[in-house]
Amino acid sequence: FRDLNYTAIRENGKFELSREIDTVKDVLT
């Protein structure tokens, strides 16, 4: 989305939502 790569992993209420560009990765859990 708008040149950023997004990943969402959800498992039984646990989540890891991230976005990534070049060498920077932001992670929300």
PDB file of all heavy atoms in Angstrom:
ATOM      1  N   PHE A   1       0.844  -1.186   0.000  1.00  0.00           N
ATOM      2  CA  PHE A   1       0.000   0.000   0.000  1.00  0.00           C
ATOM      3  C   PHE A   1       0.880   1.237   0.000  1.00  0.00           C
ATOM      4  O   PHE A   1       1.688   1.432   0.905  1.00  0.00           O
ATOM      5  CB  PHE A   1      -0.922  -0.007   1.224  1.00  0.00           C
ATOM      6  CG  PHE A   1      -1.790   1.216   1.351  1.00  0.00           C
ATOM      7  CD1 PHE A   1      -2.740   1.514   0.383  1.00  0.00           C
ATOM      8  CD2 PHE A   1      -1.647   2.067   2.434  1.00  0.00           C
ATOM      9  CE1 PHE A   1      -3.539   2.645   0.500  1.00  0.00           C
ATOM     10  CE2 PHE A   1      -2.448   3.192   2.563  1.00  0.00           C
ATOM     11  CZ  PHE A   1      -3.397   3.485   1.581  1.00  0.00           C
ATOM     12  N   ARG A   2       0.779   2.022  -1.068  1.00  0.00           N
ATOM     13  CA  ARG A   2       1.553   3.254  -1.207  1.00  0.00           C
ATOM     14  C   ARG A   2       3.048   3.039  -0.951  1.00  0.00           C
ATOM     15  O   ARG A   2       3.660   3.692  -0.097  1.00  0.00           O
ATOM     16  CB  ARG A   2       0.981   4.341  -0.299  1.00  0.00           C
ATOM     17  CG  ARG A   2      -0.419   4.777  -0.733  1.00  0.00           C
ATOM     18  CD  ARG A   2      -1.030   5.815   0.180  1.00  0.00           C
ATOM     19  NE  ARG A   2      -2.357   6.200  -0.295  1.00  0.00           N
ATOM     20  CZ  ARG A   2      -3.229   6.929   0.388  1.00  0.00           C
ATOM     21  NH1 ARG A   2      -2.916   7.350   1.607  1.00  0.00           N
ATOM     22  NH2 ARG A   2      -4.407   7.240  -0.122  1.00  0.00           N
ATOM     23  N   ASP A   3       3.585   2.070  -1.674  1.00  0.00           N
ATOM     24  CA  ASP A   3       5.034   1.764  -1.681  1.00  0.00           C
ATOM     25  C   ASP A   3       5.561   1.163  -0.382  1.00  0.00           C
ATOM     26  O   ASP A   3       6.773   1.012  -0.211  1.00  0.00           O
ATOM     27  CB  ASP A   3       5.853   3.023  -2.016  1.00  0.00           C
ATOM     28  CG  ASP A   3       5.542   3.549  -3.411  1.00  0.00           C
ATOM     29  OD1 ASP A   3       5.309   2.709  -4.315  1.00  0.00           O
ATOM     30  OD2 ASP A   3       5.516   4.778  -3.594  1.00  0.00           O
ATOM     31  N   LEU A   4       4.671   0.829   0.539  1.00  0.00           N
ATOM     32  CA  LEU A   4       5.089   0.167   1.768  1.00  0.00           C
ATOM     33  C   LEU A   4       4.557  -1.261   1.762  1.00  0.00           C
ATOM     34  O   LEU A   4       3.448  -1.527   1.275  1.00  0.00           O
ATOM     35  CB  LEU A   4       4.551   0.901   3.000  1.00  0.00           C
ATOM     36  CG  LEU A   4       5.119   2.291   3.274  1.00  0.00           C
ATOM     37  CD1 LEU A   4       4.343   2.968   4.383  1.00  0.00           C
ATOM     38  CD2 LEU A   4       6.589   2.220   3.632  1.00  0.00           C
ATOM     39  N   ASN A   5       5.349  -2.182   2.287  1.00  0.00           N
ATOM     40  CA  ASN A   5       4.948  -3.590   2.373  1.00  0.00           C
ATOM     41  C   ASN A   5       4.383  -3.876   3.761  1.00  0.00           C
ATOM     42  O   ASN A   5       5.038  -3.612   4.777  1.00  0.00           O
ATOM     43  CB  ASN A   5       6.150  -4.492   2.098  1.00  0.00           C
ATOM     44  CG  ASN A   5       6.659  -4.346   0.680  1.00  0.00           C
ATOM     45  OD1 ASN A   5       5.904  -4.470  -0.283  1.00  0.00           O
ATOM     46  ND2 ASN A   5       7.947  -4.056   0.528  1.00  0.00           N
ATOM     47  N   TYR A   6       3.178  -4.407   3.793  1.00  0.00           N
ATOM     48  CA  TYR A   6       2.491  -4.680   5.060  1.00  0.00           C
ATOM     49  C   TYR A   6       2.306  -6.183   5.258  1.00  0.00           C
ATOM     50  O   TYR A   6       2.032  -6.919   4.312  1.00  0.00           O
ATOM     51  CB  TYR A   6       1.116  -4.005   5.068  1.00  0.00           C
ATOM     52  CG  TYR A   6       1.177  -2.505   5.205  1.00  0.00           C
ATOM     53  CD1 TYR A   6       1.407  -1.696   4.102  1.00  0.00           C
ATOM     54  CD2 TYR A   6       1.007  -1.898   6.450  1.00  0.00           C
ATOM     55  CE1 TYR A   6       1.461  -0.308   4.224  1.00  0.00           C
ATOM     56  CE2 TYR A   6       1.054  -0.514   6.582  1.00  0.00           C
ATOM     57  CZ  TYR A   6       1.286   0.270   5.468  1.00  0.00           C
ATOM     58  OH  TYR A   6       1.349   1.646   5.599  1.00  0.00           O
ATOM     59  N   THR A   7       2.440  -6.593   6.518  1.00  0.00           N
ATOM     60  CA  THR A   7       2.201  -7.994   6.891  1.00  0.00           C
ATOM     61  C   THR A   7       1.386  -8.038   8.178  1.00  0.00           C
ATOM     62  O   THR A   7       1.666  -7.293   9.125  1.00  0.00           O
ATOM     63  CB  THR A   7       3.530  -8.747   7.118  1.00  0.00           C
ATOM     64  OG1 THR A   7       4.307  -8.715   5.913  1.00  0.00           O
ATOM     65  CG2 THR A   7       3.268 -10.207   7.508  1.00  0.00           C
ATOM     66  N   ALA A   8       0.374  -8.899   8.183  1.00  0.00           N
ATOM     67  CA  ALA A   8      -0.438  -9.084   9.392  1.00  0.00           C
ATOM     68  C   ALA A   8      -0.501 -10.571   9.716  1.00  0.00           C
ATOM     69  O   ALA A   8      -0.937 -11.374   8.893  1.00  0.00           O
ATOM     70  CB  ALA A   8      -1.842  -8.534   9.183  1.00  0.00           C
ATOM     71  N   ILE A   9      -0.051 -10.927  10.910  1.00  0.00           N
ATOM     72  CA  ILE A   9      -0.136 -12.308  11.382  1.00  0.00           C
ATOM     73  C   ILE A   9      -1.039 -12.323  12.609  1.00  0.00           C
ATOM     74  O   ILE A   9      -0.774 -11.627  13.598  1.00  0.00           O
ATOM     75  CB  ILE A   9       1.254 -12.872  11.742  1.00  0.00           C
ATOM     76  CG1 ILE A   9       2.171 -12.831  10.515  1.00  0.00           C
ATOM     77  CG2 ILE A   9       1.139 -14.307  12.262  1.00  0.00           C
ATOM     78  CD1 ILE A   9       3.613 -13.209  10.816  1.00  0.00           C
ATOM     79  N   ARG A  10      -2.114 -13.077  12.524  1.00  0.00           N
ATOM     80  CA  ARG A  10      -3.073 -13.164  13.634  1.00  0.00           C
ATOM     81  C   ARG A  10      -3.273 -14.629  13.998  1.00  0.00           C
ATOM     82  O   ARG A  10      -3.557 -15.456  13.134  1.00  0.00           O
ATOM     83  CB  ARG A  10      -4.405 -12.523  13.242  1.00  0.00           C
ATOM     84  CG  ARG A  10      -4.298 -11.051  12.880  1.00  0.00           C
ATOM     85  CD  ARG A  10      -5.647 -10.500  12.443  1.00  0.00           C
ATOM     86  NE  ARG A  10      -5.614  -9.068  12.167  1.00  0.00           N
ATOM     87  CZ  ARG A  10      -5.352  -8.544  10.974  1.00  0.00           C
ATOM     88  NH1 ARG A  10      -5.093  -9.332   9.939  1.00  0.00           N
ATOM     89  NH2 ARG A  10      -5.348  -7.230  10.811  1.00  0.00           N
ATOM     90  N   GLU A  11      -3.128 -14.934  15.291  1.00  0.00           N
ATOM     91  CA  GLU A  11      -3.300 -16.308  15.770  1.00  0.00           C
ATOM     92  C   GLU A  11      -4.015 -16.291  17.118  1.00  0.00           C
ATOM     93  O   GLU A  11      -3.424 -15.938  18.137  1.00  0.00           O
ATOM     94  CB  GLU A  11      -1.948 -17.008  15.909  1.00  0.00           C
ATOM     95  CG  GLU A  11      -1.227 -17.251  14.599  1.00  0.00           C
ATOM     96  CD  GLU A  11       0.048 -18.046  14.778  1.00  0.00           C
ATOM     97  OE1 GLU A  11      -0.027 -19.290  14.763  1.00  0.00           O
ATOM     98  OE2 GLU A  11       1.115 -17.428  14.968  1.00  0.00           O
ATOM     99  N   ASN A  12      -5.295 -16.632  17.091  1.00  0.00           N
ATOM    100  CA  ASN A  12      -6.083 -16.782  18.322  1.00  0.00           C
ATOM    101  C   ASN A  12      -5.959 -15.606  19.272  1.00  0.00           C
ATOM    102  O   ASN A  12      -5.734 -15.763  20.478  1.00  0.00           O
ATOM    103  CB  ASN A  12      -5.677 -18.078  19.042  1.00  0.00           C
ATOM    104  CG  ASN A  12      -5.944 -19.303  18.190  1.00  0.00           C
ATOM    105  OD1 ASN A  12      -7.005 -19.444  17.603  1.00  0.00           O
ATOM    106  ND2 ASN A  12      -4.952 -20.192  18.114  1.00  0.00           N
ATOM    107  N   GLY A  13      -6.124 -14.399  18.750  1.00  0.00           N
ATOM    108  CA  GLY A  13      -6.084 -13.211  19.587  1.00  0.00           C
ATOM    109  C   GLY A  13      -4.735 -12.526  19.645  1.00  0.00           C
ATOM    110  O   GLY A  13      -4.642 -11.344  19.974  1.00  0.00           O
ATOM    111  N   LYS A  14      -3.677 -13.238  19.321  1.00  0.00           N
ATOM    112  CA  LYS A  14      -2.350 -12.619  19.249  1.00  0.00           C
ATOM    113  C   LYS A  14      -2.162 -12.050  17.849  1.00  0.00           C
ATOM    114  O   LYS A  14      -2.627 -12.625  16.869  1.00  0.00           O
ATOM    115  CB  LYS A  14      -1.249 -13.639  19.552  1.00  0.00           C
ATOM    116  CG  LYS A  14      -1.249 -14.132  20.990  1.00  0.00           C
ATOM    117  CD  LYS A  14      -0.072 -15.071  21.234  1.00  0.00           C
ATOM    118  CE  LYS A  14      -0.037 -15.535  22.680  1.00  0.00           C
ATOM    119  NZ  LYS A  14       1.113 -16.449  22.940  1.00  0.00           N
ATOM    120  N   PHE A  15      -1.486 -10.911  17.759  1.00  0.00           N
ATOM    121  CA  PHE A  15      -1.292 -10.312  16.446  1.00  0.00           C
ATOM    122  C   PHE A  15       0.093  -9.679  16.316  1.00  0.00           C
ATOM    123  O   PHE A  15       0.713  -9.266  17.302  1.00  0.00           O
ATOM    124  CB  PHE A  15      -2.364  -9.249  16.166  1.00  0.00           C
ATOM    125  CG  PHE A  15      -2.316  -8.058  17.106  1.00  0.00           C
ATOM    126  CD1 PHE A  15      -1.472  -6.988  16.861  1.00  0.00           C
ATOM    127  CD2 PHE A  15      -3.129  -8.013  18.231  1.00  0.00           C
ATOM    128  CE1 PHE A  15      -1.433  -5.882  17.719  1.00  0.00           C
ATOM    129  CE2 PHE A  15      -3.109  -6.930  19.092  1.00  0.00           C
ATOM    130  CZ  PHE A  15      -2.246  -5.863  18.833  1.00  0.00           C
ATOM    131  N   GLU A  16       0.567  -9.643  15.090  1.00  0.00           N
ATOM    132  CA  GLU A  16       1.772  -8.909  14.734  1.00  0.00           C
ATOM    133  C   GLU A  16       1.487  -8.172  13.433  1.00  0.00           C
ATOM    134  O   GLU A  16       1.336  -8.780  12.377  1.00  0.00           O
ATOM    135  CB  GLU A  16       2.973  -9.838  14.547  1.00  0.00           C
ATOM    136  CG  GLU A  16       4.242  -9.079  14.152  1.00  0.00           C
ATOM    137  CD  GLU A  16       5.443  -9.995  13.955  1.00  0.00           C
ATOM    138  OE1 GLU A  16       5.813 -10.693  14.910  1.00  0.00           O
ATOM    139  OE2 GLU A  16       5.980 -10.013  12.827  1.00  0.00           O
ATOM    140  N   LEU A  17       1.369  -6.856  13.534  1.00  0.00           N
ATOM    141  CA  LEU A  17       1.074  -6.015  12.382  1.00  0.00           C
ATOM    142  C   LEU A  17       2.321  -5.213  12.047  1.00  0.00           C
ATOM    143  O   LEU A  17       2.865  -4.525  12.914  1.00  0.00           O
ATOM    144  CB  LEU A  17      -0.086  -5.060  12.690  1.00  0.00           C
ATOM    145  CG  LEU A  17      -1.342  -5.685  13.306  1.00  0.00           C
ATOM    146  CD1 LEU A  17      -2.374  -4.600  13.607  1.00  0.00           C
ATOM    147  CD2 LEU A  17      -1.937  -6.738  12.378  1.00  0.00           C
ATOM    148  N   SER A  18       2.769  -5.295  10.820  1.00  0.00           N
ATOM    149  CA  SER A  18       4.019  -4.621  10.482  1.00  0.00           C
ATOM    150  C   SER A  18       3.943  -3.918   9.133  1.00  0.00           C
ATOM    151  O   SER A  18       3.067  -4.198   8.310  1.00  0.00           O
ATOM    152  CB  SER A  18       5.179  -5.618  10.481  1.00  0.00           C
ATOM    153  OG  SER A  18       5.019  -6.574   9.448  1.00  0.00           O
ATOM    154  N   ARG A  19       4.881  -3.001   8.937  1.00  0.00           N
ATOM    155  CA  ARG A  19       5.086  -2.382   7.635  1.00  0.00           C
ATOM    156  C   ARG A  19       6.591  -2.254   7.427  1.00  0.00           C
ATOM    157  O   ARG A  19       7.362  -2.131   8.392  1.00  0.00           O
ATOM    158  CB  ARG A  19       4.411  -1.019   7.552  1.00  0.00           C
ATOM    159  CG  ARG A  19       5.064   0.060   8.389  1.00  0.00           C
ATOM    160  CD  ARG A  19       4.379   1.402   8.215  1.00  0.00           C
ATOM    161  NE  ARG A  19       5.122   2.454   8.895  1.00  0.00           N
ATOM    162  CZ  ARG A  19       4.727   3.719   9.002  1.00  0.00           C
ATOM    163  NH1 ARG A  19       3.564   4.074   8.466  1.00  0.00           N
ATOM    164  NH2 ARG A  19       5.449   4.619   9.633  1.00  0.00           N
ATOM    165  N   GLU A  20       7.002  -2.261   6.174  1.00  0.00           N
ATOM    166  CA  GLU A  20       8.438  -2.339   5.895  1.00  0.00           C
ATOM    167  C   GLU A  20       8.768  -1.581   4.614  1.00  0.00           C
ATOM    168  O   GLU A  20       8.042  -1.658   3.622  1.00  0.00           O
ATOM    169  CB  GLU A  20       8.841  -3.805   5.754  1.00  0.00           C
ATOM    170  CG  GLU A  20      10.314  -4.075   5.799  1.00  0.00           C
ATOM    171  CD  GLU A  20      10.623  -5.559   5.920  1.00  0.00           C
ATOM    172  OE1 GLU A  20       9.652  -6.350   6.018  1.00  0.00           O
ATOM    173  OE2 GLU A  20      11.816  -5.917   5.914  1.00  0.00           O
ATOM    174  N   ILE A  21       9.851  -0.832   4.648  1.00  0.00           N
ATOM    175  CA  ILE A  21      10.378  -0.195   3.456  1.00  0.00           C
ATOM    176  C   ILE A  21      11.888  -0.098   3.597  1.00  0.00           C
ATOM    177  O   ILE A  21      12.416   0.320   4.633  1.00  0.00           O
ATOM    178  CB  ILE A  21       9.757   1.203   3.231  1.00  0.00           C
ATOM    179  CG1 ILE A  21      10.259   1.794   1.915  1.00  0.00           C
ATOM    180  CG2 ILE A  21      10.007   2.128   4.395  1.00  0.00           C
ATOM    181  CD1 ILE A  21       9.532   3.045   1.473  1.00  0.00           C
ATOM    182  N   ASP A  22      12.577  -0.548   2.549  1.00  0.00           N
ATOM    183  CA  ASP A  22      14.050  -0.577   2.568  1.00  0.00           C
ATOM    184  C   ASP A  22      14.549  -1.318   3.817  1.00  0.00           C
ATOM    185  O   ASP A  22      14.190  -2.467   4.015  1.00  0.00           O
ATOM    186  CB  ASP A  22      14.612   0.849   2.502  1.00  0.00           C
ATOM    187  CG  ASP A  22      14.220   1.557   1.204  1.00  0.00           C
ATOM    188  OD1 ASP A  22      14.069   0.862   0.179  1.00  0.00           O
ATOM    189  OD2 ASP A  22      14.041   2.781   1.229  1.00  0.00           O
ATOM    190  N   THR A  23      15.307  -0.646   4.671  1.00  0.00           N
ATOM    191  CA  THR A  23      15.887  -1.325   5.838  1.00  0.00           C
ATOM    192  C   THR A  23      15.110  -1.060   7.128  1.00  0.00           C
ATOM    193  O   THR A  23      15.539  -1.456   8.211  1.00  0.00           O
ATOM    194  CB  THR A  23      17.352  -0.872   6.044  1.00  0.00           C
ATOM    195  OG1 THR A  23      17.386   0.546   6.257  1.00  0.00           O
ATOM    196  CG2 THR A  23      18.197  -1.235   4.823  1.00  0.00           C
ATOM    197  N   VAL A  24      13.976  -0.377   7.005  1.00  0.00           N
ATOM    198  CA  VAL A  24      13.193  -0.011   8.188  1.00  0.00           C
ATOM    199  C   VAL A  24      11.957  -0.899   8.292  1.00  0.00           C
ATOM    200  O   VAL A  24      11.195  -1.053   7.344  1.00  0.00           O
ATOM    201  CB  VAL A  24      12.752   1.465   8.139  1.00  0.00           C
ATOM    202  CG1 VAL A  24      11.925   1.811   9.373  1.00  0.00           C
ATOM    203  CG2 VAL A  24      13.970   2.382   8.035  1.00  0.00           C
ATOM    204  N   LYS A  25      11.756  -1.478   9.478  1.00  0.00           N
ATOM    205  CA  LYS A  25      10.584  -2.310   9.726  1.00  0.00           C
ATOM    206  C   LYS A  25       9.935  -1.872  11.032  1.00  0.00           C
ATOM    207  O   LYS A  25      10.577  -1.841  12.079  1.00  0.00           O
ATOM    208  CB  LYS A  25      10.970  -3.787   9.815  1.00  0.00           C
ATOM    209  CG  LYS A  25       9.775  -4.717  10.003  1.00  0.00           C
ATOM    210  CD  LYS A  25      10.184  -6.180   9.970  1.00  0.00           C
ATOM    211  CE  LYS A  25       8.963  -7.096  10.089  1.00  0.00           C
ATOM    212  NZ  LYS A  25       9.343  -8.529  10.034  1.00  0.00           N
ATOM    213  N   ASP A  26       8.657  -1.521  10.957  1.00  0.00           N
ATOM    214  CA  ASP A  26       7.882  -1.139  12.130  1.00  0.00           C
ATOM    215  C   ASP A  26       6.939  -2.281  12.491  1.00  0.00           C
ATOM    216  O   ASP A  26       6.234  -2.804  11.619  1.00  0.00           O
ATOM    217  CB  ASP A  26       7.070   0.125  11.844  1.00  0.00           C
ATOM    218  CG  ASP A  26       7.961   1.328  11.549  1.00  0.00           C
ATOM    219  OD1 ASP A  26       9.001   1.448  12.219  1.00  0.00           O
ATOM    220  OD2 ASP A  26       7.613   2.126  10.659  1.00  0.00           O
ATOM    221  N   VAL A  27       6.924  -2.646  13.773  1.00  0.00           N
ATOM    222  CA  VAL A  27       6.162  -3.819  14.210  1.00  0.00           C
ATOM    223  C   VAL A  27       5.276  -3.462  15.402  1.00  0.00           C
ATOM    224  O   VAL A  27       5.753  -2.928  16.408  1.00  0.00           O
ATOM    225  CB  VAL A  27       7.098  -4.984  14.599  1.00  0.00           C
ATOM    226  CG1 VAL A  27       6.272  -6.204  15.007  1.00  0.00           C
ATOM    227  CG2 VAL A  27       8.028  -5.334  13.451  1.00  0.00           C
ATOM    228  N   LEU A  28       3.977  -3.771  15.268  1.00  0.00           N
ATOM    229  CA  LEU A  28       3.016  -3.551  16.345  1.00  0.00           C
ATOM    230  C   LEU A  28       2.443  -4.893  16.770  1.00  0.00           C
ATOM    231  O   LEU A  28       1.918  -5.644  15.952  1.00  0.00           O
ATOM    232  CB  LEU A  28       1.893  -2.629  15.858  1.00  0.00           C
ATOM    233  CG  LEU A  28       0.772  -2.308  16.845  1.00  0.00           C
ATOM    234  CD1 LEU A  28       1.315  -1.546  18.048  1.00  0.00           C
ATOM    235  CD2 LEU A  28      -0.328  -1.503  16.151  1.00  0.00           C
ATOM    236  N   THR A  29       2.564  -5.223  18.058  1.00  0.00           N
ATOM    237  CA  THR A  29       2.046  -6.490  18.588  1.00  0.00           C
ATOM    238  C   THR A  29       1.176  -6.214  19.812  1.00  0.00           C
ATOM    239  O   THR A  29       0.989  -5.061  20.217  1.00  0.00           O
ATOM    240  CB  THR A  29       3.185  -7.437  18.996  1.00  0.00           C
ATOM    241  OG1 THR A  29       3.854  -6.888  20.154  1.00  0.00           O
ATOM    242  CG2 THR A  29       4.190  -7.619  17.868  1.00  0.00           C
TER     243      THR A  29
END
